[in-house]
Amino acid sequence: MSEEKPICSAKGCRADAVWVLAWNNPKLHTPERRKTWLACEEHREHLSQFLGVRGFLKDVVLLTDWESGDAGGSGEAGGSGEAGGSGG
């Protein structure tokens, strides 16, 4: 059984994730809480803008840095469903 590779959180995208977009919704989450979306190279900017205009985006780091803990993240990156309701 092979290890599953993380995939992009953009709606309909199945590309390998390269970036972690750390975010939180201040109306729902405590300031230190970080949710994560994963992004491929193609969708990093789109997903960052989607979160940024809402004031949710906190950090964008390479997945390898996030997993190694170099980015100050939890080391757990996961795409919680599909992101970006307007498509890719």
PDB file of N, CA and C in Angstrom:
ATOM      1  N   MET A   1       0.852  -1.183   0.000  1.00  0.00           N
ATOM      2  CA  MET A   1       0.000   0.000   0.000  1.00  0.00           C
ATOM      3  C   MET A   1       0.891   1.238   0.000  1.00  0.00           C
ATOM      4  N   SER A   2       0.682   2.119  -0.977  1.00  0.00           N
ATOM      5  CA  SER A   2       1.528   3.303  -1.080  1.00  0.00           C
ATOM      6  C   SER A   2       0.964   4.436  -0.229  1.00  0.00           C
ATOM      7  N   GLU A   3       1.860   5.338   0.171  1.00  0.00           N
ATOM      8  CA  GLU A   3       1.461   6.492   0.966  1.00  0.00           C
ATOM      9  C   GLU A   3       0.701   7.468   0.082  1.00  0.00           C
ATOM     10  N   GLU A   4      -0.443   7.951   0.567  1.00  0.00           N
ATOM     11  CA  GLU A   4      -1.251   8.890  -0.189  1.00  0.00           C
ATOM     12  C   GLU A   4      -0.608  10.268  -0.186  1.00  0.00           C
ATOM     13  N   LYS A   5      -0.505  10.878  -1.372  1.00  0.00           N
ATOM     14  CA  LYS A   5       0.076  12.216  -1.473  1.00  0.00           C
ATOM     15  C   LYS A   5      -1.017  13.252  -1.243  1.00  0.00           C
ATOM     16  N   PRO A   6      -0.685  14.326  -0.532  1.00  0.00           N
ATOM     17  CA  PRO A   6      -1.666  15.403  -0.349  1.00  0.00           C
ATOM     18  C   PRO A   6      -1.994  16.053  -1.685  1.00  0.00           C
ATOM     19  N   ILE A   7      -3.284  16.359  -1.882  1.00  0.00           N
ATOM     20  CA  ILE A   7      -3.708  16.979  -3.134  1.00  0.00           C
ATOM     21  C   ILE A   7      -4.263  18.374  -2.886  1.00  0.00           C
ATOM     22  N   CYS A   8      -4.303  19.154  -3.933  1.00  0.00           N
ATOM     23  CA  CYS A   8      -4.786  20.529  -3.900  1.00  0.00           C
ATOM     24  C   CYS A   8      -6.235  20.577  -3.419  1.00  0.00           C
ATOM     25  N   SER A   9      -6.563  21.604  -2.639  1.00  0.00           N
ATOM     26  CA  SER A   9      -7.921  21.786  -2.116  1.00  0.00           C
ATOM     27  C   SER A   9      -8.859  22.503  -3.081  1.00  0.00           C
ATOM     28  N   ALA A  10      -8.340  23.013  -4.190  1.00  0.00           N
ATOM     29  CA  ALA A  10      -9.195  23.718  -5.148  1.00  0.00           C
ATOM     30  C   ALA A  10     -10.233  22.760  -5.726  1.00  0.00           C
ATOM     31  N   LYS A  11     -11.432  23.264  -5.901  1.00  0.00           N
ATOM     32  CA  LYS A  11     -12.533  22.454  -6.394  1.00  0.00           C
ATOM     33  C   LYS A  11     -12.177  21.774  -7.704  1.00  0.00           C
ATOM     34  N   GLY A  12     -12.295  20.451  -7.725  1.00  0.00           N
ATOM     35  CA  GLY A  12     -12.055  19.679  -8.928  1.00  0.00           C
ATOM     36  C   GLY A  12     -10.604  19.382  -9.248  1.00  0.00           C
ATOM     37  N   CYS A  13      -9.676  19.954  -8.503  1.00  0.00           N
ATOM     38  CA  CYS A  13      -8.254  19.748  -8.780  1.00  0.00           C
ATOM     39  C   CYS A  13      -7.760  18.489  -8.077  1.00  0.00           C
ATOM     40  N   ARG A  14      -6.963  17.693  -8.783  1.00  0.00           N
ATOM     41  CA  ARG A  14      -6.392  16.474  -8.205  1.00  0.00           C
ATOM     42  C   ARG A  14      -4.862  16.513  -8.235  1.00  0.00           C
ATOM     43  N   ALA A  15      -4.296  17.692  -8.456  1.00  0.00           N
ATOM     44  CA  ALA A  15      -2.837  17.843  -8.544  1.00  0.00           C
ATOM     45  C   ALA A  15      -2.204  17.730  -7.158  1.00  0.00           C
ATOM     46  N   ASP A  16      -0.948  17.332  -7.144  1.00  0.00           N
ATOM     47  CA  ASP A  16      -0.207  17.247  -5.888  1.00  0.00           C
ATOM     48  C   ASP A  16      -0.096  18.622  -5.239  1.00  0.00           C
ATOM     49  N   ALA A  17      -0.293  18.667  -3.943  1.00  0.00           N
ATOM     50  CA  ALA A  17      -0.162  19.921  -3.197  1.00  0.00           C
ATOM     51  C   ALA A  17       1.307  20.272  -3.022  1.00  0.00           C
ATOM     52  N   VAL A  18       1.606  21.559  -3.113  1.00  0.00           N
ATOM     53  CA  VAL A  18       2.951  22.078  -2.918  1.00  0.00           C
ATOM     54  C   VAL A  18       2.954  23.107  -1.789  1.00  0.00           C
ATOM     55  N   TRP A  19       1.827  23.777  -1.584  1.00  0.00           N
ATOM     56  CA  TRP A  19       1.713  24.874  -0.630  1.00  0.00           C
ATOM     57  C   TRP A  19       0.670  24.583   0.439  1.00  0.00           C
ATOM     58  N   VAL A  20       0.883  25.145   1.622  1.00  0.00           N
ATOM     59  CA  VAL A  20      -0.110  25.134   2.691  1.00  0.00           C
ATOM     60  C   VAL A  20      -0.558  26.571   2.915  1.00  0.00           C
ATOM     61  N   LEU A  21      -1.862  26.790   2.876  1.00  0.00           N
ATOM     62  CA  LEU A  21      -2.444  28.094   3.171  1.00  0.00           C
ATOM     63  C   LEU A  21      -3.067  27.989   4.556  1.00  0.00           C
ATOM     64  N   ALA A  22      -2.431  28.629   5.521  1.00  0.00           N
ATOM     65  CA  ALA A  22      -2.916  28.598   6.903  1.00  0.00           C
ATOM     66  C   ALA A  22      -3.872  29.769   7.096  1.00  0.00           C
ATOM     67  N   TRP A  23      -5.031  29.501   7.679  1.00  0.00           N
ATOM     68  CA  TRP A  23      -6.052  30.538   7.805  1.00  0.00           C
ATOM     69  C   TRP A  23      -6.882  30.308   9.057  1.00  0.00           C
ATOM     70  N   ASN A  24      -7.637  31.335   9.409  1.00  0.00           N
ATOM     71  CA  ASN A  24      -8.683  31.165  10.411  1.00  0.00           C
ATOM     72  C   ASN A  24      -9.763  32.205  10.193  1.00  0.00           C
ATOM     73  N   ASN A  25     -10.946  31.875  10.636  1.00  0.00           N
ATOM     74  CA  ASN A  25     -12.074  32.795  10.589  1.00  0.00           C
ATOM     75  C   ASN A  25     -12.209  33.380  11.985  1.00  0.00           C
ATOM     76  N   PRO A  26     -11.893  34.667  12.161  1.00  0.00           N
ATOM     77  CA  PRO A  26     -11.896  35.244  13.503  1.00  0.00           C
ATOM     78  C   PRO A  26     -13.267  35.228  14.187  1.00  0.00           C
ATOM     79  N   LYS A  27     -14.321  35.054  13.413  1.00  0.00           N
ATOM     80  CA  LYS A  27     -15.655  34.958  14.017  1.00  0.00           C
ATOM     81  C   LYS A  27     -15.910  33.575  14.614  1.00  0.00           C
ATOM     82  N   LEU A  28     -15.121  32.595  14.176  1.00  0.00           N
ATOM     83  CA  LEU A  28     -15.323  31.218  14.625  1.00  0.00           C
ATOM     84  C   LEU A  28     -14.163  30.634  15.424  1.00  0.00           C
ATOM     85  N   HIS A  29     -12.946  31.102  15.144  1.00  0.00           N
ATOM     86  CA  HIS A  29     -11.751  30.480  15.707  1.00  0.00           C
ATOM     87  C   HIS A  29     -10.996  31.436  16.630  1.00  0.00           C
ATOM     88  N   THR A  30     -10.315  30.863  17.609  1.00  0.00           N
ATOM     89  CA  THR A  30      -9.443  31.668  18.456  1.00  0.00           C
ATOM     90  C   THR A  30      -8.273  32.156  17.605  1.00  0.00           C
ATOM     91  N   PRO A  31      -7.620  33.264  18.001  1.00  0.00           N
ATOM     92  CA  PRO A  31      -6.553  33.844  17.164  1.00  0.00           C
ATOM     93  C   PRO A  31      -5.409  32.884  16.836  1.00  0.00           C
ATOM     94  N   GLU A  32      -5.089  31.957  17.732  1.00  0.00           N
ATOM     95  CA  GLU A  32      -3.968  31.048  17.472  1.00  0.00           C
ATOM     96  C   GLU A  32      -4.352  29.827  16.633  1.00  0.00           C
ATOM     97  N   ARG A  33      -5.630  29.588  16.435  1.00  0.00           N
ATOM     98  CA  ARG A  33      -6.100  28.435  15.662  1.00  0.00           C
ATOM     99  C   ARG A  33      -5.766  28.609  14.196  1.00  0.00           C
ATOM    100  N   ARG A  34      -5.307  27.545  13.561  1.00  0.00           N
ATOM    101  CA  ARG A  34      -5.018  27.581  12.129  1.00  0.00           C
ATOM    102  C   ARG A  34      -5.680  26.404  11.436  1.00  0.00           C
ATOM    103  N   LYS A  35      -6.508  26.719  10.469  1.00  0.00           N
ATOM    104  CA  LYS A  35      -7.053  25.726   9.561  1.00  0.00           C
ATOM    105  C   LYS A  35      -6.127  25.727   8.345  1.00  0.00           C
ATOM    106  N   THR A  36      -6.173  24.681   7.535  1.00  0.00           N
ATOM    107  CA  THR A  36      -5.288  24.638   6.374  1.00  0.00           C
ATOM    108  C   THR A  36      -6.021  24.201   5.119  1.00  0.00           C
ATOM    109  N   TRP A  37      -5.650  24.829   4.032  1.00  0.00           N
ATOM    110  CA  TRP A  37      -5.979  24.376   2.694  1.00  0.00           C
ATOM    111  C   TRP A  37      -4.654  24.070   2.028  1.00  0.00           C
ATOM    112  N   LEU A  38      -4.676  23.109   1.121  1.00  0.00           N
ATOM    113  CA  LEU A  38      -3.489  22.763   0.348  1.00  0.00           C
ATOM    114  C   LEU A  38      -3.665  23.283  -1.069  1.00  0.00           C
ATOM    115  N   ALA A  39      -2.560  23.675  -1.682  1.00  0.00           N
ATOM    116  CA  ALA A  39      -2.643  24.220  -3.038  1.00  0.00           C
ATOM    117  C   ALA A  39      -1.509  23.709  -3.914  1.00  0.00           C
ATOM    118  N   CYS A  40      -1.851  23.468  -5.173  1.00  0.00           N
ATOM    119  CA  CYS A  40      -0.829  23.191  -6.183  1.00  0.00           C
ATOM    120  C   CYS A  40      -0.293  24.544  -6.657  1.00  0.00           C
ATOM    121  N   GLU A  41       0.718  24.523  -7.499  1.00  0.00           N
ATOM    122  CA  GLU A  41       1.279  25.772  -8.018  1.00  0.00           C
ATOM    123  C   GLU A  41       0.211  26.597  -8.742  1.00  0.00           C
ATOM    124  N   GLU A  42      -0.628  25.921  -9.526  1.00  0.00           N
ATOM    125  CA  GLU A  42      -1.619  26.619 -10.343  1.00  0.00           C
ATOM    126  C   GLU A  42      -2.671  27.346  -9.504  1.00  0.00           C
ATOM    127  N   HIS A  43      -3.050  26.792  -8.363  1.00  0.00           N
ATOM    128  CA  HIS A  43      -4.153  27.360  -7.579  1.00  0.00           C
ATOM    129  C   HIS A  43      -3.735  28.135  -6.335  1.00  0.00           C
ATOM    130  N   ARG A  44      -2.449  28.226  -6.062  1.00  0.00           N
ATOM    131  CA  ARG A  44      -1.997  28.931  -4.859  1.00  0.00           C
ATOM    132  C   ARG A  44      -2.505  30.372  -4.818  1.00  0.00           C
ATOM    133  N   GLU A  45      -2.345  31.097  -5.899  1.00  0.00           N
ATOM    134  CA  GLU A  45      -2.746  32.504  -5.925  1.00  0.00           C
ATOM    135  C   GLU A  45      -4.260  32.656  -5.791  1.00  0.00           C
ATOM    136  N   HIS A  46      -5.002  31.853  -6.511  1.00  0.00           N
ATOM    137  CA  HIS A  46      -6.468  31.926  -6.462  1.00  0.00           C
ATOM    138  C   HIS A  46      -6.986  31.659  -5.044  1.00  0.00           C
ATOM    139  N   LEU A  47      -6.515  30.594  -4.424  1.00  0.00           N
ATOM    140  CA  LEU A  47      -6.971  30.264  -3.076  1.00  0.00           C
ATOM    141  C   LEU A  47      -6.506  31.300  -2.053  1.00  0.00           C
ATOM    142  N   SER A  48      -5.293  31.828  -2.234  1.00  0.00           N
ATOM    143  CA  SER A  48      -4.791  32.878  -1.347  1.00  0.00           C
ATOM    144  C   SER A  48      -5.664  34.120  -1.430  1.00  0.00           C
ATOM    145  N   GLN A  49      -6.053  34.491  -2.643  1.00  0.00           N
ATOM    146  CA  GLN A  49      -6.915  35.655  -2.818  1.00  0.00           C
ATOM    147  C   GLN A  49      -8.290  35.423  -2.204  1.00  0.00           C
ATOM    148  N   PHE A  50      -8.831  34.222  -2.398  1.00  0.00           N
ATOM    149  CA  PHE A  50     -10.135  33.871  -1.838  1.00  0.00           C
ATOM    150  C   PHE A  50     -10.144  34.071  -0.321  1.00  0.00           C
ATOM    151  N   LEU A  51      -9.106  33.575   0.352  1.00  0.00           N
ATOM    152  CA  LEU A  51      -9.012  33.722   1.804  1.00  0.00           C
ATOM    153  C   LEU A  51      -8.623  35.145   2.193  1.00  0.00           C
ATOM    154  N   GLY A  52      -7.760  35.769   1.412  1.00  0.00           N
ATOM    155  CA  GLY A  52      -7.252  37.094   1.734  1.00  0.00           C
ATOM    156  C   GLY A  52      -8.322  38.178   1.728  1.00  0.00           C
ATOM    157  N   VAL A  53      -9.207  38.159   0.739  1.00  0.00           N
ATOM    158  CA  VAL A  53     -10.235  39.199   0.678  1.00  0.00           C
ATOM    159  C   VAL A  53     -11.212  39.098   1.841  1.00  0.00           C
ATOM    160  N   ARG A  54     -11.280  37.951   2.464  1.00  0.00           N
ATOM    161  CA  ARG A  54     -12.150  37.756   3.627  1.00  0.00           C
ATOM    162  C   ARG A  54     -11.429  38.025   4.944  1.00  0.00           C
ATOM    163  N   GLY A  55     -10.117  38.303   4.841  1.00  0.00           N
ATOM    164  CA  GLY A  55      -9.326  38.558   6.036  1.00  0.00           C
ATOM    165  C   GLY A  55      -8.981  37.297   6.804  1.00  0.00           C
ATOM    166  N   PHE A  56      -9.051  36.136   6.136  1.00  0.00           N
ATOM    167  CA  PHE A  56      -8.811  34.855   6.804  1.00  0.00           C
ATOM    168  C   PHE A  56      -7.368  34.365   6.667  1.00  0.00           C
ATOM    169  N   LEU A  57      -6.674  34.732   5.585  1.00  0.00           N
ATOM    170  CA  LEU A  57      -5.351  34.186   5.300  1.00  0.00           C
ATOM    171  C   LEU A  57      -4.326  34.673   6.315  1.00  0.00           C
ATOM    172  N   LYS A  58      -3.591  33.737   6.918  1.00  0.00           N
ATOM    173  CA  LYS A  58      -2.573  34.069   7.912  1.00  0.00           C
ATOM    174  C   LYS A  58      -1.162  33.785   7.417  1.00  0.00           C
ATOM    175  N   ASP A  59      -0.994  32.740   6.595  1.00  0.00           N
ATOM    176  CA  ASP A  59       0.349  32.372   6.154  1.00  0.00           C
ATOM    177  C   ASP A  59       0.261  31.447   4.944  1.00  0.00           C
ATOM    178  N   VAL A  60       1.271  31.521   4.072  1.00  0.00           N
ATOM    179  CA  VAL A  60       1.412  30.608   2.939  1.00  0.00           C
ATOM    180  C   VAL A  60       2.836  30.066   2.992  1.00  0.00           C
ATOM    181  N   VAL A  61       2.961  28.754   3.135  1.00  0.00           N
ATOM    182  CA  VAL A  61       4.286  28.136   3.258  1.00  0.00           C
ATOM    183  C   VAL A  61       4.355  26.874   2.403  1.00  0.00           C
ATOM    184  N   LEU A  62       5.566  26.510   2.050  1.00  0.00           N
ATOM    185  CA  LEU A  62       5.760  25.258   1.321  1.00  0.00           C
ATOM    186  C   LEU A  62       5.310  24.083   2.182  1.00  0.00           C
ATOM    187  N   LEU A  63       4.674  23.117   1.571  1.00  0.00           N
ATOM    188  CA  LEU A  63       4.210  21.930   2.279  1.00  0.00           C
ATOM    189  C   LEU A  63       5.358  21.226   2.995  1.00  0.00           C
ATOM    190  N   THR A  64       6.517  21.154   2.352  1.00  0.00           N
ATOM    191  CA  THR A  64       7.659  20.483   2.973  1.00  0.00           C
ATOM    192  C   THR A  64       8.102  21.197   4.249  1.00  0.00           C
ATOM    193  N   ASP A  65       8.062  22.539   4.244  1.00  0.00           N
ATOM    194  CA  ASP A  65       8.409  23.310   5.442  1.00  0.00           C
ATOM    195  C   ASP A  65       7.367  23.109   6.539  1.00  0.00           C
ATOM    196  N   TRP A  66       6.093  23.096   6.171  1.00  0.00           N
ATOM    197  CA  TRP A  66       5.006  22.913   7.134  1.00  0.00           C
ATOM    198  C   TRP A  66       5.135  21.551   7.825  1.00  0.00           C
ATOM    199  N   GLU A  67       5.391  20.521   7.023  1.00  0.00           N
ATOM    200  CA  GLU A  67       5.488  19.160   7.567  1.00  0.00           C
ATOM    201  C   GLU A  67       6.703  18.985   8.470  1.00  0.00           C
ATOM    202  N   SER A  68       7.774  19.712   8.162  1.00  0.00           N
ATOM    203  CA  SER A  68       8.977  19.590   8.988  1.00  0.00           C
ATOM    204  C   SER A  68       8.926  20.479  10.215  1.00  0.00           C
ATOM    205  N   GLY A  69       7.911  21.340  10.284  1.00  0.00           N
ATOM    206  CA  GLY A  69       7.770  22.231  11.430  1.00  0.00           C
ATOM    207  C   GLY A  69       8.534  23.528  11.296  1.00  0.00           C
ATOM    208  N   ASP A  70       9.213  23.755  10.165  1.00  0.00           N
ATOM    209  CA  ASP A  70       9.996  24.975   9.962  1.00  0.00           C
ATOM    210  C   ASP A  70       9.126  26.219   9.830  1.00  0.00           C
ATOM    211  N   ALA A  71       7.838  26.026   9.538  1.00  0.00           N
ATOM    212  CA  ALA A  71       6.962  27.165   9.296  1.00  0.00           C
ATOM    213  C   ALA A  71       6.163  27.560  10.527  1.00  0.00           C
ATOM    214  N   GLY A  72       6.394  26.884  11.639  1.00  0.00           N
ATOM    215  CA  GLY A  72       5.652  27.200  12.847  1.00  0.00           C
ATOM    216  C   GLY A  72       4.256  26.623  12.836  1.00  0.00           C
ATOM    217  N   GLY A  73       3.971  25.747  11.885  1.00  0.00           N
ATOM    218  CA  GLY A  73       2.657  25.127  11.806  1.00  0.00           C
ATOM    219  C   GLY A  73       2.570  23.914  12.692  1.00  0.00           C
ATOM    220  N   SER A  74       1.431  23.285  12.676  1.00  0.00           N
ATOM    221  CA  SER A  74       1.205  22.122  13.519  1.00  0.00           C
ATOM    222  C   SER A  74       1.858  20.879  12.946  1.00  0.00           C
ATOM    223  N   GLY A  75       2.312  20.969  11.697  1.00  0.00           N
ATOM    224  CA  GLY A  75       2.870  19.802  11.050  1.00  0.00           C
ATOM    225  C   GLY A  75       1.799  18.918  10.453  1.00  0.00           C
ATOM    226  N   GLU A  76       0.549  19.320  10.610  1.00  0.00           N
ATOM    227  CA  GLU A  76      -0.560  18.562  10.047  1.00  0.00           C
ATOM    228  C   GLU A  76      -1.234  19.404   8.992  1.00  0.00           C
ATOM    229  N   ALA A  77      -1.075  19.017   7.750  1.00  0.00           N
ATOM    230  CA  ALA A  77      -1.746  19.737   6.671  1.00  0.00           C
ATOM    231  C   ALA A  77      -2.799  18.820   6.100  1.00  0.00           C
ATOM    232  N   GLY A  78      -3.969  19.350   5.918  1.00  0.00           N
ATOM    233  CA  GLY A  78      -5.020  18.545   5.337  1.00  0.00           C
ATOM    234  C   GLY A  78      -5.994  19.416   4.607  1.00  0.00           C
ATOM    235  N   GLY A  79      -6.374  18.987   3.444  1.00  0.00           N
ATOM    236  CA  GLY A  79      -7.407  19.695   2.718  1.00  0.00           C
ATOM    237  C   GLY A  79      -8.752  19.263   3.275  1.00  0.00           C
ATOM    238  N   SER A  80      -9.434  20.146   3.943  1.00  0.00           N
ATOM    239  CA  SER A  80     -10.728  19.805   4.504  1.00  0.00           C
ATOM    240  C   SER A  80     -11.813  20.087   3.482  1.00  0.00           C
ATOM    241  N   GLY A  81     -11.971  19.184   2.537  1.00  0.00           N
ATOM    242  CA  GLY A  81     -12.953  19.386   1.490  1.00  0.00           C
ATOM    243  C   GLY A  81     -12.391  20.218   0.369  1.00  0.00           C
ATOM    244  N   GLU A  82     -13.269  20.571  -0.541  1.00  0.00           N
ATOM    245  CA  GLU A  82     -12.835  21.374  -1.668  1.00  0.00           C
ATOM    246  C   GLU A  82     -13.016  22.847  -1.375  1.00  0.00           C
ATOM    247  N   ALA A  83     -12.076  23.635  -1.819  1.00  0.00           N
ATOM    248  CA  ALA A  83     -12.097  25.073  -1.577  1.00  0.00           C
ATOM    249  C   ALA A  83     -12.419  25.810  -2.875  1.00  0.00           C
ATOM    250  N   GLY A  84     -12.755  27.064  -2.725  1.00  0.00           N
ATOM    251  CA  GLY A  84     -12.932  27.906  -3.902  1.00  0.00           C
ATOM    252  C   GLY A  84     -14.170  27.558  -4.697  1.00  0.00           C
ATOM    253  N   GLY A  85     -15.315  27.894  -4.180  1.00  0.00           N
ATOM    254  CA  GLY A  85     -16.572  27.543  -4.785  1.00  0.00           C
ATOM    255  C   GLY A  85     -16.755  27.983  -6.229  1.00  0.00           C
ATOM    256  N   SER A  86     -15.956  28.911  -6.699  1.00  0.00           N
ATOM    257  CA  SER A  86     -16.120  29.391  -8.076  1.00  0.00           C
ATOM    258  C   SER A  86     -15.360  28.559  -9.078  1.00  0.00           C
ATOM    259  N   GLY A  87     -14.741  27.484  -8.634  1.00  0.00           N
ATOM    260  CA  GLY A  87     -13.989  26.631  -9.557  1.00  0.00           C
ATOM    261  C   GLY A  87     -12.572  27.113  -9.699  1.00  0.00           C
ATOM    262  N   GLY A  88     -11.825  26.412 -10.556  1.00  0.00           N
ATOM    263  CA  GLY A  88     -10.429  26.599 -10.565  1.00  0.00           C
ATOM    264  C   GLY A  88      -9.811  27.533 -11.452  1.00  0.00           C
TER     265      GLY A  88
END
